[in-house]
Amino acid sequence: MTEKDRKLILDGKTIDYTYEGGWRFKVLFYNGLAAYQFLGDDGETVSNSNEDIPYNSRIIRDDLYHVVWHEKNIGDLVSLVIDTEKNRIHSAALLDYRGSKPILHFESGDIHDFSDE
């Protein structure tokens, strides 16, 4: 496996998760890119989304992944640790860093699904 392949190990995967604060996301990884949907309380209504976001990832150990992406168009930098063994996700993100009130998001949550597309 080349270094480039290791960085794109999540290609073909989809993850659906909810943070402890209630935010629910569905993220698809494809061709070195990520796309996400911010879902409503019903888990289906899309209230926000973005796509074609370049990402990098690595395997920390079996069933534990680290992924990072930078949404330059909206000023978000996101880092996720995905633990598929415990069905948990951990986030550290700087949201709207170009705005007057950037948000530091540091939260964990439950994974509902982690599967191939």
N, C-alpha and C. Protein backbone atom coordinates (compact mmCIF):
# COMPACT_ATOMS: atom_id res chain seq x y z
N MET A 1 0.84 -1.18 0.00
CA MET A 1 0.00 0.00 0.00
C MET A 1 0.89 1.24 0.00
N THR A 2 0.62 2.15 -0.93
CA THR A 2 1.42 3.37 -1.01
C THR A 2 0.94 4.39 0.03
N GLU A 3 1.75 5.42 0.24
CA GLU A 3 1.36 6.48 1.17
C GLU A 3 0.04 7.12 0.73
N LYS A 4 -0.11 7.33 -0.58
CA LYS A 4 -1.36 7.91 -1.09
C LYS A 4 -2.54 7.01 -0.78
N ASP A 5 -2.39 5.70 -0.96
CA ASP A 5 -3.47 4.76 -0.65
C ASP A 5 -3.84 4.82 0.82
N ARG A 6 -2.85 4.92 1.69
CA ARG A 6 -3.11 4.97 3.13
C ARG A 6 -3.90 6.22 3.50
N LYS A 7 -3.68 7.29 2.80
CA LYS A 7 -4.39 8.53 3.11
C LYS A 7 -5.85 8.49 2.69
N LEU A 8 -6.20 7.59 1.79
CA LEU A 8 -7.56 7.52 1.25
C LEU A 8 -8.25 6.22 1.65
N ILE A 9 -7.90 5.67 2.79
CA ILE A 9 -8.41 4.35 3.18
C ILE A 9 -9.91 4.32 3.44
N LEU A 10 -10.53 5.47 3.59
CA LEU A 10 -11.97 5.49 3.85
C LEU A 10 -12.80 5.59 2.57
N ASP A 11 -12.14 5.73 1.41
CA ASP A 11 -12.89 5.78 0.15
C ASP A 11 -13.83 4.58 0.06
N GLY A 12 -15.08 4.86 -0.30
CA GLY A 12 -16.08 3.81 -0.42
C GLY A 12 -16.86 3.56 0.87
N LYS A 13 -16.52 4.28 1.93
CA LYS A 13 -17.20 4.11 3.21
C LYS A 13 -18.20 5.23 3.45
N THR A 14 -19.24 4.92 4.21
CA THR A 14 -20.22 5.90 4.67
C THR A 14 -20.34 5.74 6.18
N ILE A 15 -20.42 6.85 6.89
CA ILE A 15 -20.59 6.83 8.34
C ILE A 15 -21.77 7.73 8.71
N ASP A 16 -22.61 7.22 9.58
CA ASP A 16 -23.77 7.95 10.09
C ASP A 16 -23.60 8.01 11.61
N TYR A 17 -23.60 9.22 12.18
CA TYR A 17 -23.33 9.35 13.61
C TYR A 17 -24.06 10.55 14.19
N THR A 18 -24.22 10.53 15.51
CA THR A 18 -24.84 11.63 16.24
C THR A 18 -23.96 12.02 17.41
N TYR A 19 -23.66 13.31 17.50
CA TYR A 19 -22.90 13.82 18.64
C TYR A 19 -23.78 13.83 19.90
N GLU A 20 -23.14 13.82 21.04
CA GLU A 20 -23.86 13.83 22.30
C GLU A 20 -24.78 15.04 22.42
N GLY A 21 -24.41 16.15 21.77
CA GLY A 21 -25.24 17.36 21.79
C GLY A 21 -26.43 17.31 20.85
N GLY A 22 -26.55 16.24 20.05
CA GLY A 22 -27.71 16.05 19.19
C GLY A 22 -27.48 16.25 17.70
N TRP A 23 -26.35 16.83 17.30
CA TRP A 23 -26.10 17.02 15.87
C TRP A 23 -25.87 15.66 15.21
N ARG A 24 -26.56 15.40 14.10
CA ARG A 24 -26.42 14.13 13.38
C ARG A 24 -25.88 14.39 11.98
N PHE A 25 -24.91 13.56 11.60
CA PHE A 25 -24.27 13.69 10.29
C PHE A 25 -24.20 12.35 9.58
N LYS A 26 -24.20 12.43 8.26
CA LYS A 26 -23.91 11.29 7.41
C LYS A 26 -22.79 11.74 6.48
N VAL A 27 -21.67 11.00 6.48
CA VAL A 27 -20.50 11.38 5.68
C VAL A 27 -20.15 10.24 4.73
N LEU A 28 -19.93 10.59 3.48
CA LEU A 28 -19.54 9.65 2.44
C LEU A 28 -18.13 10.00 1.99
N PHE A 29 -17.26 8.99 1.86
CA PHE A 29 -15.89 9.18 1.39
C PHE A 29 -15.75 8.53 0.02
N TYR A 30 -15.21 9.27 -0.96
CA TYR A 30 -15.11 8.79 -2.33
C TYR A 30 -13.99 9.52 -3.08
N ASN A 31 -13.18 8.79 -3.80
CA ASN A 31 -12.15 9.38 -4.67
C ASN A 31 -11.31 10.45 -3.98
N GLY A 32 -10.97 10.24 -2.71
CA GLY A 32 -10.16 11.20 -1.97
C GLY A 32 -10.93 12.42 -1.50
N LEU A 33 -12.26 12.34 -1.58
CA LEU A 33 -13.12 13.45 -1.21
C LEU A 33 -14.15 13.00 -0.17
N ALA A 34 -14.68 13.96 0.55
CA ALA A 34 -15.74 13.69 1.52
C ALA A 34 -16.95 14.54 1.16
N ALA A 35 -18.12 14.01 1.47
CA ALA A 35 -19.37 14.77 1.35
C ALA A 35 -20.16 14.48 2.61
N TYR A 36 -20.80 15.51 3.17
CA TYR A 36 -21.59 15.26 4.37
C TYR A 36 -22.95 15.91 4.27
N GLN A 37 -23.85 15.36 5.08
CA GLN A 37 -25.17 15.92 5.26
C GLN A 37 -25.38 16.11 6.76
N PHE A 38 -25.83 17.28 7.14
CA PHE A 38 -26.21 17.57 8.51
C PHE A 38 -27.70 17.27 8.57
N LEU A 39 -28.07 16.24 9.35
CA LEU A 39 -29.43 15.73 9.33
C LEU A 39 -30.26 16.28 10.48
N GLY A 40 -31.55 16.36 10.26
CA GLY A 40 -32.47 16.80 11.30
C GLY A 40 -32.71 15.70 12.32
N ASP A 41 -33.59 15.98 13.27
CA ASP A 41 -33.88 15.05 14.35
C ASP A 41 -34.41 13.70 13.85
N ASP A 42 -35.05 13.70 12.69
CA ASP A 42 -35.60 12.45 12.16
C ASP A 42 -34.53 11.59 11.49
N GLY A 43 -33.31 12.13 11.35
CA GLY A 43 -32.23 11.37 10.74
C GLY A 43 -32.28 11.34 9.23
N GLU A 44 -33.25 12.04 8.62
CA GLU A 44 -33.41 12.01 7.17
C GLU A 44 -33.43 13.39 6.53
N THR A 45 -33.96 14.38 7.19
CA THR A 45 -34.08 15.72 6.62
C THR A 45 -32.72 16.41 6.61
N VAL A 46 -32.26 16.80 5.44
CA VAL A 46 -30.97 17.46 5.30
C VAL A 46 -31.14 18.96 5.55
N SER A 47 -30.44 19.47 6.57
CA SER A 47 -30.54 20.90 6.85
C SER A 47 -29.31 21.65 6.36
N ASN A 48 -28.22 20.94 6.07
CA ASN A 48 -27.00 21.56 5.55
C ASN A 48 -26.15 20.45 4.93
N SER A 49 -25.35 20.80 3.95
CA SER A 49 -24.49 19.79 3.33
C SER A 49 -23.31 20.46 2.63
N ASN A 50 -22.32 19.66 2.33
CA ASN A 50 -21.18 20.11 1.54
C ASN A 50 -20.58 18.87 0.88
N GLU A 51 -19.91 19.05 -0.23
CA GLU A 51 -19.35 17.90 -0.95
C GLU A 51 -18.04 18.27 -1.61
N ASP A 52 -17.38 17.23 -2.14
CA ASP A 52 -16.10 17.39 -2.85
C ASP A 52 -15.03 18.06 -1.99
N ILE A 53 -14.97 17.62 -0.72
CA ILE A 53 -13.99 18.16 0.23
C ILE A 53 -12.81 17.20 0.29
N PRO A 54 -11.61 17.61 -0.11
CA PRO A 54 -10.45 16.72 -0.01
C PRO A 54 -10.22 16.32 1.46
N TYR A 55 -9.88 15.04 1.67
CA TYR A 55 -9.62 14.56 3.02
C TYR A 55 -8.36 13.70 3.04
N ASN A 56 -7.82 13.52 4.24
CA ASN A 56 -6.74 12.57 4.50
C ASN A 56 -7.16 11.70 5.68
N SER A 57 -6.68 10.47 5.69
CA SER A 57 -7.01 9.57 6.79
C SER A 57 -5.88 8.59 7.02
N ARG A 58 -5.95 7.96 8.19
CA ARG A 58 -4.98 6.91 8.51
C ARG A 58 -5.63 5.93 9.47
N ILE A 59 -5.09 4.72 9.48
CA ILE A 59 -5.50 3.72 10.47
C ILE A 59 -4.55 3.86 11.65
N ILE A 60 -5.12 4.07 12.83
CA ILE A 60 -4.31 4.13 14.04
C ILE A 60 -4.06 2.72 14.54
N ARG A 61 -5.10 1.91 14.50
CA ARG A 61 -5.03 0.47 14.77
C ARG A 61 -6.29 -0.13 14.17
N ASP A 62 -6.41 -1.46 14.19
CA ASP A 62 -7.62 -2.07 13.65
C ASP A 62 -8.85 -1.40 14.26
N ASP A 63 -9.78 -1.01 13.44
CA ASP A 63 -11.05 -0.42 13.86
C ASP A 63 -10.93 0.98 14.46
N LEU A 64 -9.78 1.64 14.28
CA LEU A 64 -9.63 3.01 14.78
C LEU A 64 -8.99 3.86 13.68
N TYR A 65 -9.72 4.88 13.22
CA TYR A 65 -9.30 5.71 12.10
C TYR A 65 -9.22 7.17 12.53
N HIS A 66 -8.32 7.91 11.89
CA HIS A 66 -8.25 9.36 12.06
C HIS A 66 -8.44 9.97 10.68
N VAL A 67 -9.34 10.92 10.58
CA VAL A 67 -9.61 11.60 9.31
C VAL A 67 -9.64 13.10 9.55
N VAL A 68 -9.15 13.85 8.56
CA VAL A 68 -9.14 15.31 8.67
C VAL A 68 -9.51 15.90 7.31
N TRP A 69 -10.27 17.00 7.34
CA TRP A 69 -10.54 17.74 6.11
C TRP A 69 -10.63 19.22 6.41
N HIS A 70 -10.44 20.01 5.36
CA HIS A 70 -10.45 21.47 5.47
C HIS A 70 -11.44 22.00 4.45
N GLU A 71 -12.50 22.60 4.93
CA GLU A 71 -13.50 23.20 4.06
C GLU A 71 -13.13 24.67 3.86
N LYS A 72 -12.28 24.91 2.89
CA LYS A 72 -11.78 26.26 2.66
C LYS A 72 -12.90 27.23 2.30
N ASN A 73 -13.93 26.73 1.61
CA ASN A 73 -15.00 27.62 1.15
C ASN A 73 -15.84 28.18 2.29
N ILE A 74 -15.90 27.49 3.45
CA ILE A 74 -16.70 28.00 4.57
C ILE A 74 -15.87 28.25 5.83
N GLY A 75 -14.58 27.90 5.79
CA GLY A 75 -13.71 28.17 6.92
C GLY A 75 -13.86 27.18 8.07
N ASP A 76 -13.96 25.89 7.74
CA ASP A 76 -14.03 24.84 8.76
C ASP A 76 -12.84 23.90 8.61
N LEU A 77 -12.25 23.52 9.73
CA LEU A 77 -11.20 22.51 9.77
C LEU A 77 -11.68 21.43 10.73
N VAL A 78 -11.83 20.20 10.22
CA VAL A 78 -12.46 19.11 10.98
C VAL A 78 -11.49 17.95 11.13
N SER A 79 -11.40 17.42 12.34
CA SER A 79 -10.61 16.23 12.63
C SER A 79 -11.50 15.26 13.40
N LEU A 80 -11.59 14.02 12.88
CA LEU A 80 -12.43 13.01 13.51
C LEU A 80 -11.60 11.78 13.85
N VAL A 81 -11.87 11.19 15.00
CA VAL A 81 -11.35 9.87 15.34
C VAL A 81 -12.56 8.94 15.36
N ILE A 82 -12.51 7.91 14.51
CA ILE A 82 -13.63 7.00 14.33
C ILE A 82 -13.25 5.65 14.93
N ASP A 83 -13.96 5.25 15.96
CA ASP A 83 -13.71 3.98 16.65
C ASP A 83 -14.87 3.03 16.32
N THR A 84 -14.66 2.18 15.31
CA THR A 84 -15.73 1.29 14.87
C THR A 84 -15.93 0.10 15.81
N GLU A 85 -14.92 -0.21 16.62
CA GLU A 85 -15.08 -1.30 17.60
C GLU A 85 -16.08 -0.90 18.69
N LYS A 86 -15.98 0.35 19.15
CA LYS A 86 -16.86 0.83 20.23
C LYS A 86 -18.03 1.65 19.70
N ASN A 87 -18.10 1.80 18.36
CA ASN A 87 -19.15 2.61 17.72
C ASN A 87 -19.21 4.02 18.30
N ARG A 88 -18.03 4.65 18.41
CA ARG A 88 -17.91 6.02 18.93
C ARG A 88 -17.13 6.87 17.95
N ILE A 89 -17.43 8.15 17.95
CA ILE A 89 -16.70 9.12 17.13
C ILE A 89 -16.31 10.29 18.03
N HIS A 90 -15.14 10.85 17.76
CA HIS A 90 -14.63 11.97 18.56
C HIS A 90 -14.19 13.05 17.59
N SER A 91 -14.61 14.28 17.86
CA SER A 91 -14.36 15.39 16.95
C SER A 91 -13.60 16.51 17.63
N ALA A 92 -12.69 17.10 16.88
CA ALA A 92 -12.07 18.38 17.25
C ALA A 92 -12.12 19.20 15.97
N ALA A 93 -12.86 20.29 16.01
CA ALA A 93 -13.05 21.08 14.79
C ALA A 93 -13.03 22.57 15.12
N LEU A 94 -12.48 23.34 14.21
CA LEU A 94 -12.55 24.78 14.29
C LEU A 94 -13.50 25.20 13.18
N LEU A 95 -14.67 25.71 13.57
CA LEU A 95 -15.72 26.04 12.62
C LEU A 95 -15.80 27.55 12.42
N ASP A 96 -16.00 27.93 11.18
CA ASP A 96 -16.13 29.34 10.81
C ASP A 96 -14.95 30.18 11.31
N TYR A 97 -13.74 29.66 11.10
CA TYR A 97 -12.55 30.34 11.63
C TYR A 97 -12.30 31.70 10.98
N ARG A 98 -12.91 31.97 9.84
CA ARG A 98 -12.75 33.27 9.21
C ARG A 98 -13.76 34.30 9.71
N GLY A 99 -14.77 33.82 10.41
CA GLY A 99 -15.82 34.70 10.89
C GLY A 99 -15.42 35.45 12.15
N SER A 100 -16.30 36.29 12.62
CA SER A 100 -16.01 37.09 13.81
C SER A 100 -16.17 36.28 15.11
N LYS A 101 -16.86 35.13 15.04
CA LYS A 101 -17.07 34.30 16.23
C LYS A 101 -16.81 32.82 15.89
N PRO A 102 -15.55 32.45 15.67
CA PRO A 102 -15.26 31.04 15.37
C PRO A 102 -15.67 30.14 16.54
N ILE A 103 -15.99 28.90 16.21
CA ILE A 103 -16.46 27.93 17.20
C ILE A 103 -15.46 26.78 17.28
N LEU A 104 -15.07 26.43 18.49
CA LEU A 104 -14.26 25.23 18.71
C LEU A 104 -15.20 24.11 19.11
N HIS A 105 -15.35 23.14 18.23
CA HIS A 105 -16.24 22.00 18.47
C HIS A 105 -15.39 20.83 18.96
N PHE A 106 -15.67 20.33 20.15
CA PHE A 106 -14.90 19.24 20.76
C PHE A 106 -15.92 18.34 21.43
N GLU A 107 -16.32 17.27 20.72
CA GLU A 107 -17.44 16.47 21.20
C GLU A 107 -17.31 15.04 20.70
N SER A 108 -17.94 14.13 21.42
CA SER A 108 -17.98 12.72 21.04
C SER A 108 -19.42 12.35 20.70
N GLY A 109 -19.58 11.17 20.12
CA GLY A 109 -20.92 10.72 19.77
C GLY A 109 -20.96 9.26 19.44
N ASP A 110 -22.16 8.82 19.06
CA ASP A 110 -22.41 7.41 18.73
C ASP A 110 -22.48 7.21 17.23
N ILE A 111 -21.86 6.14 16.76
CA ILE A 111 -21.92 5.76 15.36
C ILE A 111 -23.13 4.84 15.16
N HIS A 112 -24.01 5.20 14.22
CA HIS A 112 -25.18 4.38 13.91
C HIS A 112 -24.85 3.36 12.83
N ASP A 113 -24.00 3.77 11.89
CA ASP A 113 -23.66 2.90 10.77
C ASP A 113 -22.30 3.30 10.22
N PHE A 114 -21.49 2.31 9.92
CA PHE A 114 -20.20 2.50 9.25
C PHE A 114 -20.10 1.37 8.24
N SER A 115 -20.29 1.68 6.95
CA SER A 115 -20.40 0.62 5.98
C SER A 115 -19.87 1.04 4.62
N ASP A 116 -19.81 0.07 3.72
CA ASP A 116 -19.45 0.37 2.34
C ASP A 116 -20.66 1.02 1.68
N GLU A 117 -20.37 1.88 0.70
CA GLU A 117 -21.45 2.63 0.02
C GLU A 117 -22.57 1.73 -0.44
